[in-house]
Amino acid sequence: MNLLFLTQYYPPETGAAQNRISDLARRLAKWGHNVTVLTALPSYPKGEIFEGYRGKLVLDETIDGIRVLRVWTYTTKSKSFVRRLLNYFSFVLGSILVGVAKSGPQDVLIVESPPLFLGLSGLLLSKLRHSKMVFNVSDLWPESAVSLGILRSKLLVGIATALEEFIYRRSDLITGQTQGIVDKISARTPAIPVALVTNGVDIGTFSIDLNAARERIRRDLGMERAFVVGYAGLHGLAQGLETLLQAADRLRGQENIQFVFFGDGPEKTRLTELAREKALANVRFYPPEPKVNMPSIMAAFDASIVPLKRLDLFRGALPCKLFESMAAAVPVIVSIEGEARALVEQAGAGICVPPEDGAQMAEAILKLRSNPALRISLGQSARKYVIGNYNRETIAKRFDHLLSNLGVPSSTREIEVTAC
């Protein structure tokens, strides 16, 4: 089939959505589909277009054998909601113009949300191309924006909710990243098929010698003898990373416990300033690392922290960093209620603590530090479970099967039938 991914975020940007979508696109292309990605010039999370992409309105390039169409988008470092809307809607408009002019015929459009507004581009392009539309929801919006205090206007919430319903009811298939997302959407749109397509991990990238990688990274960081508590991922509002600083503050008197943060995001400046104000010598911040380096970095952790704020919204969340930590055979300390906690308990992969509870997080860290055998057991169980249940190869095959059931006549199949 001819498949068009419509997403505002794509490599060389790093992040959960970027990694998941690019991995899926590569696998579908490998299996014979003609894949195109329509995306923005990279700017996330710094809010400025990456060097090498500046000064361009449209860029047509090939990455890993996939055609990637990029369009200029208004960017901003501001946290202003109005400026964020300008960023979203500039891509909505640009994606429509470039999609119509350059994307070519498509059988299926796969639209990534958030941003929710991109569903408007998807609906219009799917009509113009006479194609099916799959709407993938990795985060419920506007619900998440309201819960995080980003969106407060009742008028805007009402408009966004109506738009959400409009897009859902006109999609041919909706996919959700977690069971919680799937259940909520299914209850609201019973006439539209909704399928669970979870995040996962590329097992191949974690097939390295984890012990050798661990020793090398710890040596490079000067932490050979430390008990390393790590966080790797987006430094955003949802994560509540100040809880890790609270735990670090409680453990500042403990010898050789080191907290390390890898990544970037809108909260990083505030977090570094907070750590400086508290004089937390046991906390270090590092810039984002290329995706290829992350398995080695995670393997260097003695415990990996996977936090989110205490919001009902996140009871249905499964952060991708959870799967990656498990694949690296590292015990996880999960401060999330709901699906993430249930998964960790079922897998025997770590210790669960209440969200935003620095005291209990500190206790969990001390428990793991004092029991090396427990760390090894939890890490091995974590790796075994994620390989058996969240392999991206298996997840991609499931998604490919969903596409085949949309009733789209494949161009490839038509050629094969004619040849026969």
Protein backbone atom coordinates (compact mmCIF):
# COMPACT_ATOMS: atom_id res chain seq x y z
CA MET A 1 0.00 0.00 0.00
CA ASN A 2 0.90 3.66 -0.29
CA LEU A 3 1.12 4.91 3.31
CA LEU A 4 1.48 8.51 4.46
CA PHE A 5 2.48 9.24 8.05
CA LEU A 6 1.35 12.71 9.12
CA THR A 7 3.23 13.76 12.25
CA GLN A 8 4.63 17.03 13.52
CA TYR A 9 7.59 15.26 15.14
CA TYR A 10 10.16 13.00 13.49
CA PRO A 11 13.92 12.26 13.69
CA PRO A 12 16.48 13.80 13.89
CA GLU A 13 14.34 15.00 16.81
CA THR A 14 14.44 12.62 19.76
CA GLY A 15 11.49 11.52 21.84
CA ALA A 16 8.93 8.79 22.32
CA ALA A 17 6.74 9.65 19.34
CA GLN A 18 9.69 10.24 17.03
CA ASN A 19 11.30 6.90 17.89
CA ARG A 20 8.07 4.93 17.68
CA ILE A 21 6.85 6.40 14.38
CA SER A 22 10.22 6.16 12.62
CA ASP A 23 10.63 2.56 13.77
CA LEU A 24 7.15 1.64 12.52
CA ALA A 25 7.68 3.45 9.21
CA ARG A 26 10.95 1.58 8.59
CA ARG A 27 9.39 -1.80 9.30
CA LEU A 28 6.40 -1.16 7.05
CA ALA A 29 8.72 -0.03 4.25
CA LYS A 30 10.83 -3.16 4.73
CA TRP A 31 7.68 -5.28 4.30
CA GLY A 32 6.97 -3.76 0.90
CA HIS A 33 4.77 -0.74 1.57
CA ASN A 34 5.54 2.59 -0.11
CA VAL A 35 5.97 4.88 2.91
CA THR A 36 6.07 8.68 2.98
CA VAL A 37 6.34 10.85 6.08
CA LEU A 38 4.96 14.39 6.08
CA THR A 39 6.42 16.31 9.01
CA ALA A 40 7.79 19.64 10.21
CA LEU A 41 11.33 20.91 9.98
CA PRO A 42 12.89 19.60 13.22
CA SER A 43 12.71 21.96 16.21
CA TYR A 44 11.64 19.89 19.24
CA PRO A 45 12.16 20.33 22.16
CA LYS A 46 14.32 23.49 21.99
CA GLY A 47 11.76 25.51 20.07
CA GLU A 48 14.10 26.49 17.23
CA ILE A 49 14.72 24.85 13.88
CA PHE A 50 17.79 22.63 13.88
CA GLU A 51 20.98 23.78 12.24
CA GLY A 52 21.15 22.44 8.69
CA TYR A 53 17.40 22.85 8.21
CA ARG A 54 17.11 26.59 8.69
CA GLY A 55 16.14 28.89 5.84
CA LYS A 56 14.02 26.27 4.08
CA LEU A 57 10.29 26.29 3.42
CA VAL A 58 9.99 22.74 2.10
CA LEU A 59 12.51 19.91 2.11
CA ASP A 60 12.15 16.58 0.31
CA GLU A 61 14.70 14.06 1.63
CA THR A 62 15.18 10.32 2.02
CA ILE A 63 15.97 8.77 5.41
CA ASP A 64 16.42 4.99 5.80
CA GLY A 65 14.78 4.48 2.42
CA ILE A 66 11.70 6.49 3.40
CA ARG A 67 10.64 9.67 1.66
CA VAL A 68 10.38 12.46 4.25
CA LEU A 69 8.62 15.69 3.28
CA ARG A 70 9.36 18.53 5.68
CA VAL A 71 7.58 21.86 5.88
CA TRP A 72 8.46 25.11 7.65
CA THR A 73 6.60 25.67 10.92
CA TYR A 74 6.45 28.63 13.26
CA THR A 75 8.65 27.82 16.26
CA THR A 76 8.89 29.37 19.69
CA LYS A 77 10.67 28.83 23.00
CA SER A 78 7.80 30.48 24.83
CA LYS A 79 5.45 28.43 27.05
CA SER A 80 2.57 30.70 26.02
CA PHE A 81 -0.47 28.67 24.97
CA VAL A 82 -1.22 31.12 22.17
CA ARG A 83 2.28 30.68 20.72
CA ARG A 84 1.92 26.90 20.97
CA LEU A 85 -1.30 27.15 18.99
CA LEU A 86 0.53 29.18 16.35
CA ASN A 87 3.13 26.41 16.17
CA TYR A 88 0.45 23.72 15.78
CA PHE A 89 -1.68 25.53 13.26
CA SER A 90 1.24 26.67 11.11
CA PHE A 91 2.02 22.99 10.61
CA VAL A 92 -1.64 22.17 9.99
CA LEU A 93 -1.68 24.71 7.16
CA GLY A 94 1.76 23.80 5.83
CA SER A 95 1.05 20.07 5.88
CA ILE A 96 -2.13 20.57 3.87
CA LEU A 97 -0.37 22.66 1.21
CA VAL A 98 2.63 20.35 0.89
CA GLY A 99 0.49 17.24 1.19
CA VAL A 100 -1.70 18.31 -1.69
CA ALA A 101 1.22 19.47 -3.84
CA LYS A 102 3.80 16.77 -3.22
CA SER A 103 2.62 13.67 -1.33
CA GLY A 104 1.12 11.84 -4.30
CA PRO A 105 -1.64 9.18 -4.21
CA GLN A 106 -2.11 7.43 -0.87
CA ASP A 107 -4.11 4.44 0.31
CA VAL A 108 -3.91 5.20 4.04
CA LEU A 109 -3.06 8.31 6.05
CA ILE A 110 -1.75 7.60 9.54
CA VAL A 111 -2.15 10.72 11.67
CA GLU A 112 -0.33 11.16 14.99
CA SER A 113 -2.04 13.00 17.86
CA PRO A 114 -1.17 15.14 19.71
CA PRO A 115 -1.33 17.70 18.35
CA LEU A 116 -5.04 17.05 17.97
CA PHE A 117 -5.39 19.74 15.31
CA LEU A 118 -3.40 17.65 12.87
CA GLY A 119 -6.53 15.55 12.49
CA LEU A 120 -7.94 18.40 10.40
CA SER A 121 -5.08 18.04 7.91
CA GLY A 122 -5.59 14.29 7.90
CA LEU A 123 -9.31 14.52 7.22
CA LEU A 124 -8.87 16.98 4.36
CA LEU A 125 -5.99 15.08 2.76
CA SER A 126 -7.79 11.75 3.11
CA LYS A 127 -10.80 13.21 1.30
CA LEU A 128 -8.69 14.70 -1.47
CA ARG A 129 -6.70 11.46 -1.86
CA HIS A 130 -9.74 9.18 -1.44
CA SER A 131 -7.81 7.31 1.21
CA LYS A 132 -8.56 5.79 4.59
CA MET A 133 -7.51 7.61 7.76
CA VAL A 134 -6.01 6.01 10.85
CA PHE A 135 -5.92 8.36 13.83
CA ASN A 136 -3.32 7.33 16.41
CA VAL A 137 -3.80 8.79 19.90
CA SER A 138 -0.73 8.69 22.12
CA ASP A 139 -2.13 11.25 24.57
CA LEU A 140 -5.75 12.30 25.14
CA TRP A 141 -6.17 15.96 24.24
CA PRO A 142 -7.56 18.36 25.47
CA GLU A 143 -7.91 16.23 28.64
CA SER A 144 -4.16 16.17 29.27
CA ALA A 145 -3.78 19.92 28.65
CA VAL A 146 -6.56 20.65 31.15
CA SER A 147 -5.11 18.28 33.77
CA LEU A 148 -1.66 19.88 33.48
CA GLY A 149 -3.08 23.40 33.72
CA ILE A 150 -1.98 24.33 30.21
CA LEU A 151 -5.54 24.92 28.98
CA ARG A 152 -7.93 26.74 31.34
CA SER A 153 -10.43 28.56 29.13
CA LYS A 154 -13.81 26.80 29.24
CA LEU A 155 -14.56 28.11 25.76
CA LEU A 156 -11.34 26.67 24.30
CA VAL A 157 -11.85 23.38 26.15
CA GLY A 158 -15.34 23.13 24.66
CA ILE A 159 -14.07 23.87 21.16
CA ALA A 160 -11.20 21.40 21.48
CA THR A 161 -13.50 18.68 22.82
CA ALA A 162 -15.93 19.20 19.94
CA LEU A 163 -13.03 19.01 17.49
CA GLU A 164 -11.81 15.82 19.16
CA GLU A 165 -15.24 14.20 18.73
CA PHE A 166 -15.45 15.43 15.13
CA ILE A 167 -12.12 13.84 14.19
CA TYR A 168 -12.82 10.57 16.03
CA ARG A 169 -16.17 10.06 14.30
CA ARG A 170 -14.72 10.62 10.85
CA SER A 171 -11.72 8.33 11.18
CA ASP A 172 -11.76 4.88 9.63
CA LEU A 173 -9.71 3.44 12.50
CA ILE A 174 -8.47 4.83 15.80
CA THR A 175 -5.45 3.35 17.56
CA GLY A 176 -4.46 4.08 21.15
CA GLN A 177 -1.16 3.63 22.97
CA THR A 178 -2.68 2.32 26.21
CA GLN A 179 -5.77 0.41 27.28
CA GLY A 180 -6.96 3.47 29.19
CA ILE A 181 -6.90 5.58 26.03
CA VAL A 182 -8.65 2.85 24.04
CA ASP A 183 -11.39 2.43 26.65
CA LYS A 184 -12.15 6.15 26.86
CA ILE A 185 -12.33 6.61 23.11
CA SER A 186 -14.39 3.43 22.60
CA ALA A 187 -16.97 4.64 25.13
CA ARG A 188 -17.37 7.91 23.24
CA THR A 189 -17.32 6.57 19.66
CA PRO A 190 -18.76 3.03 19.69
CA ALA A 191 -19.36 3.06 15.92
CA ILE A 192 -15.66 3.51 15.05
CA PRO A 193 -13.19 0.63 15.50
CA VAL A 194 -10.57 1.37 18.17
CA ALA A 195 -7.50 -0.85 18.54
CA LEU A 196 -4.72 -1.07 21.11
CA VAL A 197 -1.27 -0.54 19.58
CA THR A 198 1.12 -0.11 22.48
CA ASN A 199 4.55 1.38 22.56
CA GLY A 200 7.41 -1.06 22.81
CA VAL A 201 11.10 -1.50 22.32
CA ASP A 202 13.40 -2.38 19.45
CA ILE A 203 14.92 -5.53 20.89
CA GLY A 204 17.73 -5.43 18.33
CA THR A 205 19.15 -2.20 19.75
CA PHE A 206 19.30 -3.80 23.19
CA SER A 207 21.18 -6.90 21.98
CA ILE A 208 24.51 -5.33 22.88
CA ASP A 209 26.81 -6.60 25.64
CA LEU A 210 25.03 -4.77 28.46
CA ASN A 211 27.75 -5.42 31.04
CA ALA A 212 30.49 -4.03 28.80
CA ALA A 213 28.33 -1.01 27.94
CA ARG A 214 27.61 -0.42 31.62
CA GLU A 215 31.29 -0.40 32.56
CA ARG A 216 32.25 1.89 29.67
CA ILE A 217 29.58 4.53 30.36
CA ARG A 218 30.18 4.54 34.12
CA ARG A 219 33.89 4.97 33.49
CA ASP A 220 33.23 7.83 31.06
CA LEU A 221 31.00 9.53 33.64
CA GLY A 222 33.46 8.97 36.48
CA MET A 223 30.91 6.91 38.42
CA GLU A 224 32.51 3.48 38.57
CA ARG A 225 31.84 3.15 42.31
CA ALA A 226 28.58 5.08 42.55
CA PHE A 227 25.05 3.77 42.89
CA VAL A 228 23.57 5.49 39.83
CA VAL A 229 19.91 6.51 39.87
CA GLY A 230 18.98 7.54 36.33
CA TYR A 231 16.28 9.34 34.41
CA ALA A 232 16.44 9.51 30.62
CA GLY A 233 13.75 11.29 28.65
CA LEU A 234 11.73 14.46 28.27
CA HIS A 235 12.05 17.04 31.04
CA GLY A 236 8.44 18.17 30.78
CA LEU A 237 5.49 19.24 32.89
CA ALA A 238 3.93 15.79 33.02
CA GLN A 239 6.92 14.00 34.51
CA GLY A 240 7.05 15.83 37.84
CA LEU A 241 10.84 15.50 37.96
CA GLU A 242 11.09 17.70 41.04
CA THR A 243 10.17 14.52 42.95
CA LEU A 244 13.56 13.08 41.99
CA LEU A 245 15.21 16.20 43.37
CA GLN A 246 13.26 15.74 46.61
CA ALA A 247 14.59 12.17 46.83
CA ALA A 248 18.11 13.42 46.07
CA ASP A 249 17.76 16.01 48.84
CA ARG A 250 16.79 13.29 51.33
CA LEU A 251 19.74 11.13 50.28
CA ARG A 252 22.39 13.84 50.09
CA GLY A 253 24.11 12.37 53.14
CA GLN A 254 24.27 8.86 51.67
CA GLU A 255 27.68 8.04 50.29
CA ASN A 256 28.05 7.37 46.55
CA ILE A 257 24.41 7.72 45.49
CA GLN A 258 24.38 9.76 42.28
CA PHE A 259 21.31 11.04 40.39
CA VAL A 260 21.77 11.59 36.64
CA PHE A 261 19.34 13.22 34.21
CA PHE A 262 19.72 12.71 30.45
CA GLY A 263 17.52 14.68 28.06
CA ASP A 264 15.97 18.06 27.48
CA GLY A 265 12.64 19.80 27.66
CA PRO A 266 10.74 22.86 28.87
CA GLU A 267 11.37 22.10 32.56
CA LYS A 268 15.10 21.45 32.37
CA THR A 269 16.20 25.02 33.12
CA ARG A 270 13.94 25.21 36.16
CA LEU A 271 15.15 21.83 37.43
CA THR A 272 18.83 22.72 37.07
CA GLU A 273 18.22 26.00 38.90
CA LEU A 274 16.34 24.18 41.66
CA ALA A 275 19.18 21.66 42.07
CA ARG A 276 21.65 24.54 42.25
CA GLU A 277 19.57 26.39 44.86
CA LYS A 278 19.45 23.25 47.01
CA ALA A 279 23.19 22.66 46.48
CA LEU A 280 22.54 19.07 45.42
CA ALA A 281 26.03 17.81 44.70
CA ASN A 282 24.60 14.33 44.08
CA VAL A 283 22.67 15.48 40.97
CA ARG A 284 24.07 15.86 37.46
CA PHE A 285 22.33 16.94 34.26
CA TYR A 286 23.44 15.81 30.79
CA PRO A 287 22.25 16.81 27.29
CA PRO A 288 20.18 14.48 25.11
CA GLU A 289 22.05 11.56 23.62
CA PRO A 290 21.51 10.04 20.15
CA LYS A 291 19.06 7.17 20.15
CA VAL A 292 21.83 4.69 19.35
CA ASN A 293 23.56 5.51 22.66
CA MET A 294 20.55 5.11 24.93
CA PRO A 295 20.74 1.33 25.52
CA SER A 296 24.31 1.74 26.82
CA ILE A 297 23.39 4.72 29.00
CA MET A 298 20.39 2.95 30.53
CA ALA A 299 22.46 -0.17 31.16
CA ALA A 300 24.77 2.04 33.26
CA PHE A 301 21.97 2.82 35.72
CA ASP A 302 21.57 0.82 38.93
CA ALA A 303 17.95 1.99 39.10
CA SER A 304 15.86 3.76 36.47
CA ILE A 305 13.18 6.22 37.60
CA VAL A 306 9.92 6.39 35.60
CA PRO A 307 7.76 9.18 37.08
CA LEU A 308 4.58 11.04 36.23
CA LYS A 309 2.49 13.54 38.16
CA ARG A 310 -0.36 12.41 40.39
CA LEU A 311 -3.23 12.84 37.92
CA ASP A 312 -6.07 10.47 37.08
CA LEU A 313 -5.20 11.05 33.43
CA PHE A 314 -1.92 9.16 33.87
CA ARG A 315 -3.49 6.03 35.31
CA GLY A 316 -3.66 4.88 31.69
CA ALA A 317 -0.08 5.87 30.78
CA LEU A 318 2.76 3.58 29.69
CA PRO A 319 5.87 5.74 29.10
CA CYS A 320 8.26 4.36 26.49
CA LYS A 321 11.20 4.88 28.87
CA LEU A 322 9.65 2.13 31.01
CA PHE A 323 10.06 -0.42 28.21
CA GLU A 324 13.57 0.76 27.40
CA SER A 325 14.70 0.53 31.01
CA MET A 326 13.30 -2.98 31.25
CA ALA A 327 15.03 -4.03 28.01
CA ALA A 328 18.33 -2.82 29.48
CA ALA A 329 17.80 -5.26 32.41
CA VAL A 330 17.64 -2.37 34.88
CA PRO A 331 15.20 -2.44 37.84
CA VAL A 332 12.67 0.38 37.61
CA ILE A 333 11.24 2.60 40.31
CA VAL A 334 7.84 3.58 38.95
CA SER A 335 5.93 6.44 40.54
CA ILE A 336 2.78 6.08 38.43
CA GLU A 337 -0.57 4.55 39.35
CA GLY A 338 -2.68 2.42 37.01
CA GLU A 339 -1.44 0.56 33.95
CA ALA A 340 2.27 1.22 34.48
CA ARG A 341 2.17 -0.02 38.05
CA ALA A 342 0.20 -3.12 37.06
CA LEU A 343 2.71 -3.93 34.32
CA VAL A 344 5.72 -3.60 36.63
CA GLU A 345 4.09 -5.72 39.32
CA GLN A 346 3.09 -8.40 36.83
CA ALA A 347 6.57 -8.46 35.32
CA GLY A 348 8.38 -8.39 38.66
CA ALA A 349 10.44 -5.59 37.18
CA GLY A 350 10.91 -3.12 40.00
CA ILE A 351 9.44 -1.18 42.90
CA CYS A 352 6.28 0.93 42.70
CA VAL A 353 5.84 4.07 44.79
CA PRO A 354 3.07 6.69 44.85
CA PRO A 355 3.44 9.58 42.37
CA GLU A 356 5.10 12.77 43.65
CA ASP A 357 6.32 11.07 46.85
CA GLY A 358 10.01 11.85 47.27
CA ALA A 359 10.22 10.10 50.63
CA GLN A 360 9.04 6.71 49.36
CA MET A 361 11.16 7.09 46.24
CA ALA A 362 14.19 7.59 48.45
CA GLU A 363 13.28 4.47 50.47
CA ALA A 364 13.01 2.42 47.26
CA ILE A 365 16.44 3.63 46.16
CA LEU A 366 17.97 2.60 49.48
CA LYS A 367 16.31 -0.80 49.26
CA LEU A 368 17.80 -1.48 45.83
CA ARG A 369 21.21 -0.19 46.85
CA SER A 370 21.36 -2.50 49.85
CA ASN A 371 20.35 -5.62 47.92
CA PRO A 372 22.41 -6.35 44.78
CA ALA A 373 20.77 -9.76 44.35
CA LEU A 374 17.34 -8.13 44.23
CA ARG A 375 18.55 -5.66 41.60
CA ILE A 376 19.81 -8.47 39.38
CA SER A 377 16.61 -10.50 39.81
CA LEU A 378 14.32 -7.54 39.03
CA GLY A 379 16.42 -6.52 36.03
CA GLN A 380 16.43 -10.01 34.53
CA SER A 381 12.66 -10.36 35.04
CA ALA A 382 12.12 -6.95 33.45
CA ARG A 383 14.12 -7.81 30.34
CA LYS A 384 12.47 -11.20 29.89
CA TYR A 385 8.99 -9.69 30.21
CA VAL A 386 9.48 -6.81 27.80
CA ILE A 387 11.06 -9.05 25.15
CA GLY A 388 8.12 -11.43 25.38
CA ASN A 389 5.36 -8.82 25.41
CA TYR A 390 6.51 -5.48 23.96
CA ASN A 391 8.73 -6.30 21.00
CA ARG A 392 8.25 -3.60 18.35
CA GLU A 393 8.53 -6.18 15.58
CA THR A 394 5.44 -7.97 16.89
CA ILE A 395 3.59 -4.69 17.49
CA ALA A 396 4.35 -3.51 13.94
CA LYS A 397 3.02 -6.78 12.49
CA ARG A 398 -0.19 -6.27 14.44
CA PHE A 399 -0.50 -2.76 13.03
CA ASP A 400 0.19 -4.02 9.50
CA HIS A 401 -2.64 -6.53 9.97
CA LEU A 402 -4.97 -3.70 11.04
CA LEU A 403 -4.11 -1.80 7.86
CA SER A 404 -4.82 -4.86 5.71
CA ASN A 405 -8.29 -5.09 7.29
CA LEU A 406 -9.22 -1.54 6.29
CA GLY A 407 -10.40 -2.78 2.92
CA VAL A 408 -7.86 -0.76 0.96
CA PRO A 409 -6.95 -2.20 -2.44
CA SER A 410 -3.17 -2.44 -2.36
CA SER A 411 -1.38 -1.20 -5.48
CA THR A 412 1.22 -3.89 -4.95
CA ARG A 413 -1.39 -6.62 -4.74
CA GLU A 414 -3.13 -5.35 -7.87
CA ILE A 415 0.14 -5.61 -9.78
CA GLU A 416 0.72 -9.12 -8.51
CA VAL A 417 -2.77 -10.23 -9.51
CA THR A 418 -2.32 -8.77 -12.99
CA ALA A 419 1.02 -10.55 -13.37
CA CYS A 420 -0.58 -13.86 -12.44
